[in-house]
Amino acid sequence: MRTLFAAGAALALLSLTACGSTGGSAAPSATSTAPGQATTTSAVAPPSAAATPATSAPVSQPQAAPSKPASDPRCVPADDALVSRVESGFSESGLSLINGTVINSGPVTLVGGSTVDASGKVKNRSDVWVMSNGTVYASTGGARNTTTFAKASDAPLRISPGDERVQALDACVVNLTR
């Protein structure tokens, strides 16, 4: 290891010397004399891009494993009353809602979760309903297909499945299932 370091240092010094002899910037030098000994030292200037040997390869850094996407900070766990209210609209018996999550957004509350059957098998990984003035509306496709609630995209709400809040809540529920 020392030999490799010494060889690298010598190569760097030679490169700097070559730069100085071709009109490049040379570092100032100083001479000091100790009793019975003469020593010459040269300040080493930082290597420039031109002084870097062509044989040196860039050092690769280990790649960090991708992290789980962060959920929206507005997402909070749904209380049992909200989950029960959504479950009351399931059109098929034996379905229930897990991973209940909400985003409170002014006059509306968005409720999301995963729909599972009686055996625990996931029917829909993530669906979103919108509550306004005590009325539940189905927003996403699975919510519309598994419950009897009116569509949130119709009047009076006009909140589409592409609404930023619906998408944010859907992402939060999906992240809970990973």
C-alpha atoms as a PDB file:
ATOM      1  CA  MET A   1       0.000   0.000   0.000  1.00  0.00           C
ATOM      2  CA  ARG A   2       2.893   2.361   0.829  1.00  0.00           C
ATOM      3  CA  THR A   3       4.547   1.602  -2.500  1.00  0.00           C
ATOM      4  CA  LEU A   4       1.327   2.433  -4.344  1.00  0.00           C
ATOM      5  CA  PHE A   5       0.959   5.683  -2.408  1.00  0.00           C
ATOM      6  CA  ALA A   6       4.601   6.640  -2.999  1.00  0.00           C
ATOM      7  CA  ALA A   7       4.276   5.887  -6.713  1.00  0.00           C
ATOM      8  CA  GLY A   8       1.098   7.995  -6.913  1.00  0.00           C
ATOM      9  CA  ALA A   9       2.779  10.876  -5.088  1.00  0.00           C
ATOM     10  CA  ALA A  10       5.818  10.697  -7.384  1.00  0.00           C
ATOM     11  CA  LEU A  11       3.555  10.671 -10.439  1.00  0.00           C
ATOM     12  CA  ALA A  12       1.677  13.707  -9.135  1.00  0.00           C
ATOM     13  CA  LEU A  13       4.973  15.531  -8.471  1.00  0.00           C
ATOM     14  CA  LEU A  14       6.210  14.723 -11.977  1.00  0.00           C
ATOM     15  CA  SER A  15       2.951  16.008 -13.408  1.00  0.00           C
ATOM     16  CA  LEU A  16       3.284  19.239 -11.467  1.00  0.00           C
ATOM     17  CA  THR A  17       6.881  19.661 -12.543  1.00  0.00           C
ATOM     18  CA  ALA A  18       5.847  19.131 -16.166  1.00  0.00           C
ATOM     19  CA  CYS A  19       3.161  21.811 -15.776  1.00  0.00           C
ATOM     20  CA  GLY A  20       5.742  24.219 -14.367  1.00  0.00           C
ATOM     21  CA  SER A  21       8.139  23.690 -17.285  1.00  0.00           C
ATOM     22  CA  THR A  22       5.429  24.300 -19.906  1.00  0.00           C
ATOM     23  CA  GLY A  23       4.356  27.635 -18.552  1.00  0.00           C
ATOM     24  CA  GLY A  24       1.867  26.335 -15.983  1.00  0.00           C
ATOM     25  CA  SER A  25       1.757  27.859 -12.553  1.00  0.00           C
ATOM     26  CA  ALA A  26       4.652  26.708 -10.435  1.00  0.00           C
ATOM     27  CA  ALA A  27       4.432  26.748  -6.675  1.00  0.00           C
ATOM     28  CA  PRO A  28       6.926  28.942  -4.836  1.00  0.00           C
ATOM     29  CA  SER A  29       9.892  27.183  -3.292  1.00  0.00           C
ATOM     30  CA  ALA A  30      11.899  27.929  -0.156  1.00  0.00           C
ATOM     31  CA  THR A  31      15.345  26.845   0.961  1.00  0.00           C
ATOM     32  CA  SER A  32      16.284  26.415   4.595  1.00  0.00           C
ATOM     33  CA  THR A  33      19.664  25.564   5.998  1.00  0.00           C
ATOM     34  CA  ALA A  34      20.129  23.692   9.222  1.00  0.00           C
ATOM     35  CA  PRO A  35      23.577  23.380  10.788  1.00  0.00           C
ATOM     36  CA  GLY A  36      25.472  20.832   8.712  1.00  0.00           C
ATOM     37  CA  GLN A  37      22.512  20.145   6.364  1.00  0.00           C
ATOM     38  CA  ALA A  38      20.960  21.861   3.367  1.00  0.00           C
ATOM     39  CA  THR A  39      17.294  21.173   2.658  1.00  0.00           C
ATOM     40  CA  THR A  40      15.183  22.403  -0.205  1.00  0.00           C
ATOM     41  CA  THR A  41      11.401  22.221   0.089  1.00  0.00           C
ATOM     42  CA  SER A  42       8.790  23.030  -2.474  1.00  0.00           C
ATOM     43  CA  ALA A  43       5.241  23.908  -1.703  1.00  0.00           C
ATOM     44  CA  VAL A  44       2.979  21.560  -3.640  1.00  0.00           C
ATOM     45  CA  ALA A  45       0.178  23.273  -5.492  1.00  0.00           C
ATOM     46  CA  PRO A  46      -3.129  21.428  -5.763  1.00  0.00           C
ATOM     47  CA  PRO A  47      -3.195  19.275  -8.902  1.00  0.00           C
ATOM     48  CA  SER A  48      -5.175  20.628 -11.795  1.00  0.00           C
ATOM     49  CA  ALA A  49      -7.355  18.582 -14.110  1.00  0.00           C
ATOM     50  CA  ALA A  50      -4.482  18.543 -16.598  1.00  0.00           C
ATOM     51  CA  ALA A  51      -2.162  17.091 -13.959  1.00  0.00           C
ATOM     52  CA  THR A  52      -4.388  14.109 -13.251  1.00  0.00           C
ATOM     53  CA  PRO A  53      -2.927  10.955 -14.808  1.00  0.00           C
ATOM     54  CA  ALA A  54      -5.051   9.461 -17.574  1.00  0.00           C
ATOM     55  CA  THR A  55      -4.720   6.027 -16.014  1.00  0.00           C
ATOM     56  CA  SER A  56      -6.631   6.872 -12.849  1.00  0.00           C
ATOM     57  CA  ALA A  57     -10.210   5.594 -12.842  1.00  0.00           C
ATOM     58  CA  PRO A  58     -12.981   7.326 -10.892  1.00  0.00           C
ATOM     59  CA  VAL A  59     -13.815   5.734  -7.589  1.00  0.00           C
ATOM     60  CA  SER A  60     -17.352   4.383  -7.634  1.00  0.00           C
ATOM     61  CA  GLN A  61     -19.513   5.007  -4.609  1.00  0.00           C
ATOM     62  CA  PRO A  62     -21.879   2.282  -3.372  1.00  0.00           C
ATOM     63  CA  GLN A  63     -25.466   3.026  -4.309  1.00  0.00           C
ATOM     64  CA  ALA A  64     -27.959   3.315  -1.482  1.00  0.00           C
ATOM     65  CA  ALA A  65     -31.000   1.092  -1.709  1.00  0.00           C
ATOM     66  CA  PRO A  66     -34.091   3.037  -2.800  1.00  0.00           C
ATOM     67  CA  SER A  67     -36.200   4.019   0.156  1.00  0.00           C
ATOM     68  CA  LYS A  68     -39.934   3.686   0.486  1.00  0.00           C
ATOM     69  CA  PRO A  69     -41.663   6.778  -0.880  1.00  0.00           C
ATOM     70  CA  ALA A  70     -42.695   9.134   1.861  1.00  0.00           C
ATOM     71  CA  SER A  71     -46.402   9.323   2.550  1.00  0.00           C
ATOM     72  CA  ASP A  72     -48.233  12.625   2.522  1.00  0.00           C
ATOM     73  CA  PRO A  73     -48.017  14.275   5.962  1.00  0.00           C
ATOM     74  CA  ARG A  74     -51.745  15.057   5.798  1.00  0.00           C
ATOM     75  CA  CYS A  75     -52.571  11.336   6.049  1.00  0.00           C
ATOM     76  CA  VAL A  76     -53.636  10.198   9.511  1.00  0.00           C
ATOM     77  CA  PRO A  77     -55.231   6.973  10.762  1.00  0.00           C
ATOM     78  CA  ALA A  78     -59.021   6.862  10.399  1.00  0.00           C
ATOM     79  CA  ASP A  79     -61.105   6.453  13.529  1.00  0.00           C
ATOM     80  CA  ASP A  80     -63.425   3.445  13.852  1.00  0.00           C
ATOM     81  CA  ALA A  81     -66.567   5.529  13.285  1.00  0.00           C
ATOM     82  CA  LEU A  82     -65.363   6.666   9.835  1.00  0.00           C
ATOM     83  CA  VAL A  83     -64.328   3.145   8.866  1.00  0.00           C
ATOM     84  CA  SER A  84     -67.717   1.791  10.003  1.00  0.00           C
ATOM     85  CA  ARG A  85     -69.512   4.482   8.024  1.00  0.00           C
ATOM     86  CA  VAL A  86     -67.692   3.416   4.825  1.00  0.00           C
ATOM     87  CA  GLU A  87     -68.191  -0.291   5.577  1.00  0.00           C
ATOM     88  CA  SER A  88     -71.945   0.303   5.932  1.00  0.00           C
ATOM     89  CA  GLY A  89     -72.091   1.003   2.186  1.00  0.00           C
ATOM     90  CA  PHE A  90     -70.411  -2.206   0.953  1.00  0.00           C
ATOM     91  CA  SER A  91     -72.660  -3.894  -1.592  1.00  0.00           C
ATOM     92  CA  GLU A  92     -71.280  -7.370  -0.843  1.00  0.00           C
ATOM     93  CA  SER A  93     -71.509  -8.957   2.591  1.00  0.00           C
ATOM     94  CA  GLY A  94     -68.293 -10.004   4.280  1.00  0.00           C
ATOM     95  CA  LEU A  95     -66.202  -7.075   3.021  1.00  0.00           C
ATOM     96  CA  SER A  96     -64.332  -4.851   5.431  1.00  0.00           C
ATOM     97  CA  LEU A  97     -61.917  -1.947   5.321  1.00  0.00           C
ATOM     98  CA  ILE A  98     -58.360  -2.164   6.679  1.00  0.00           C
ATOM     99  CA  ASN A  99     -55.546   0.422   6.639  1.00  0.00           C
ATOM    100  CA  GLY A 100     -58.145   3.143   7.212  1.00  0.00           C
ATOM    101  CA  THR A 101     -56.545   6.514   6.556  1.00  0.00           C
ATOM    102  CA  VAL A 102     -57.934  10.037   6.241  1.00  0.00           C
ATOM    103  CA  ILE A 103     -57.083  13.453   4.920  1.00  0.00           C
ATOM    104  CA  ASN A 104     -59.156  16.252   6.428  1.00  0.00           C
ATOM    105  CA  SER A 105     -59.548  18.976   3.836  1.00  0.00           C
ATOM    106  CA  GLY A 106     -61.760  21.830   4.936  1.00  0.00           C
ATOM    107  CA  PRO A 107     -65.426  20.912   4.503  1.00  0.00           C
ATOM    108  CA  VAL A 108     -64.644  17.376   3.264  1.00  0.00           C
ATOM    109  CA  THR A 109     -62.936  14.359   4.763  1.00  0.00           C
ATOM    110  CA  LEU A 110     -61.352  11.835   2.445  1.00  0.00           C
ATOM    111  CA  VAL A 111     -61.337   8.266   3.752  1.00  0.00           C
ATOM    112  CA  GLY A 112     -59.128   5.606   2.202  1.00  0.00           C
ATOM    113  CA  GLY A 113     -58.343   2.001   2.887  1.00  0.00           C
ATOM    114  CA  SER A 114     -57.885  -1.515   1.547  1.00  0.00           C
ATOM    115  CA  THR A 115     -60.973  -3.641   0.952  1.00  0.00           C
ATOM    116  CA  VAL A 116     -60.688  -7.262   2.114  1.00  0.00           C
ATOM    117  CA  ASP A 117     -63.111 -10.174   2.092  1.00  0.00           C
ATOM    118  CA  ALA A 118     -64.081 -12.344   5.086  1.00  0.00           C
ATOM    119  CA  SER A 119     -60.997 -14.558   4.628  1.00  0.00           C
ATOM    120  CA  GLY A 120     -58.697 -11.503   4.662  1.00  0.00           C
ATOM    121  CA  LYS A 121     -57.968 -11.645   0.946  1.00  0.00           C
ATOM    122  CA  VAL A 122     -57.406  -8.171  -0.524  1.00  0.00           C
ATOM    123  CA  LYS A 123     -60.103  -7.248  -3.018  1.00  0.00           C
ATOM    124  CA  ASN A 124     -58.916  -3.674  -3.616  1.00  0.00           C
ATOM    125  CA  ARG A 125     -55.496  -2.513  -2.463  1.00  0.00           C
ATOM    126  CA  SER A 126     -56.560   1.104  -2.090  1.00  0.00           C
ATOM    127  CA  ASP A 127     -59.826   2.968  -2.497  1.00  0.00           C
ATOM    128  CA  VAL A 128     -60.988   6.439  -1.520  1.00  0.00           C
ATOM    129  CA  TRP A 129     -64.342   7.808  -0.381  1.00  0.00           C
ATOM    130  CA  VAL A 130     -65.214  11.456   0.283  1.00  0.00           C
ATOM    131  CA  MET A 131     -67.426  12.538   3.193  1.00  0.00           C
ATOM    132  CA  SER A 132     -69.247  15.858   3.156  1.00  0.00           C
ATOM    133  CA  ASN A 133     -71.959  16.951   5.598  1.00  0.00           C
ATOM    134  CA  GLY A 134     -72.324  13.381   6.867  1.00  0.00           C
ATOM    135  CA  THR A 135     -72.823  11.892   3.375  1.00  0.00           C
ATOM    136  CA  VAL A 136     -70.328   9.424   1.904  1.00  0.00           C
ATOM    137  CA  TYR A 137     -69.416   9.510  -1.792  1.00  0.00           C
ATOM    138  CA  ALA A 138     -67.311   6.947  -3.683  1.00  0.00           C
ATOM    139  CA  SER A 139     -64.321   8.423  -5.499  1.00  0.00           C
ATOM    140  CA  THR A 140     -62.057   5.726  -6.929  1.00  0.00           C
ATOM    141  CA  GLY A 141     -63.160   2.888  -9.210  1.00  0.00           C
ATOM    142  CA  GLY A 142     -62.995   0.194  -6.542  1.00  0.00           C
ATOM    143  CA  ALA A 143     -64.927   2.400  -4.120  1.00  0.00           C
ATOM    144  CA  ARG A 144     -67.640   2.898  -6.747  1.00  0.00           C
ATOM    145  CA  ASN A 145     -67.734  -0.815  -7.624  1.00  0.00           C
ATOM    146  CA  THR A 146     -67.883  -2.202  -4.066  1.00  0.00           C
ATOM    147  CA  THR A 147     -70.187   0.312  -2.378  1.00  0.00           C
ATOM    148  CA  THR A 148     -73.594   1.811  -3.003  1.00  0.00           C
ATOM    149  CA  PHE A 149     -72.513   5.418  -2.454  1.00  0.00           C
ATOM    150  CA  ALA A 150     -72.998   8.080  -5.134  1.00  0.00           C
ATOM    151  CA  LYS A 151     -69.997   9.136  -7.214  1.00  0.00           C
ATOM    152  CA  ALA A 152     -67.914  11.916  -5.707  1.00  0.00           C
ATOM    153  CA  SER A 153     -67.274  13.304  -9.194  1.00  0.00           C
ATOM    154  CA  ASP A 154     -70.991  14.066  -9.656  1.00  0.00           C
ATOM    155  CA  ALA A 155     -72.795  17.054  -8.178  1.00  0.00           C
ATOM    156  CA  PRO A 156     -72.689  18.417  -5.528  1.00  0.00           C
ATOM    157  CA  LEU A 157     -68.998  17.588  -4.810  1.00  0.00           C
ATOM    158  CA  ARG A 158     -67.417  17.255  -8.244  1.00  0.00           C
ATOM    159  CA  ILE A 159     -64.256  15.707  -6.741  1.00  0.00           C
ATOM    160  CA  SER A 160     -62.708  13.458  -9.381  1.00  0.00           C
ATOM    161  CA  PRO A 161     -60.465  10.439  -8.762  1.00  0.00           C
ATOM    162  CA  GLY A 162     -57.653  12.558 -10.229  1.00  0.00           C
ATOM    163  CA  ASP A 163     -58.039  15.224  -7.541  1.00  0.00           C
ATOM    164  CA  GLU A 164     -54.699  15.850  -5.804  1.00  0.00           C
ATOM    165  CA  ARG A 165     -56.158  14.960  -2.379  1.00  0.00           C
ATOM    166  CA  VAL A 166     -57.612  11.681  -3.636  1.00  0.00           C
ATOM    167  CA  GLN A 167     -54.287  10.760  -5.238  1.00  0.00           C
ATOM    168  CA  ALA A 168     -52.343  11.673  -2.088  1.00  0.00           C
ATOM    169  CA  LEU A 169     -54.592   9.557   0.128  1.00  0.00           C
ATOM    170  CA  ASP A 170     -54.473   6.657  -2.327  1.00  0.00           C
ATOM    171  CA  ALA A 171     -50.655   6.783  -2.224  1.00  0.00           C
ATOM    172  CA  CYS A 172     -50.688   6.767   1.592  1.00  0.00           C
ATOM    173  CA  VAL A 173     -52.844   3.630   1.674  1.00  0.00           C
ATOM    174  CA  VAL A 174     -50.709   1.911  -0.966  1.00  0.00           C
ATOM    175  CA  ASN A 175     -47.597   2.687   1.094  1.00  0.00           C
ATOM    176  CA  LEU A 176     -49.223   1.037   4.110  1.00  0.00           C
ATOM    177  CA  THR A 177     -49.645  -2.183   2.125  1.00  0.00           C
ATOM    178  CA  ARG A 178     -45.981  -2.498   1.116  1.00  0.00           C
END
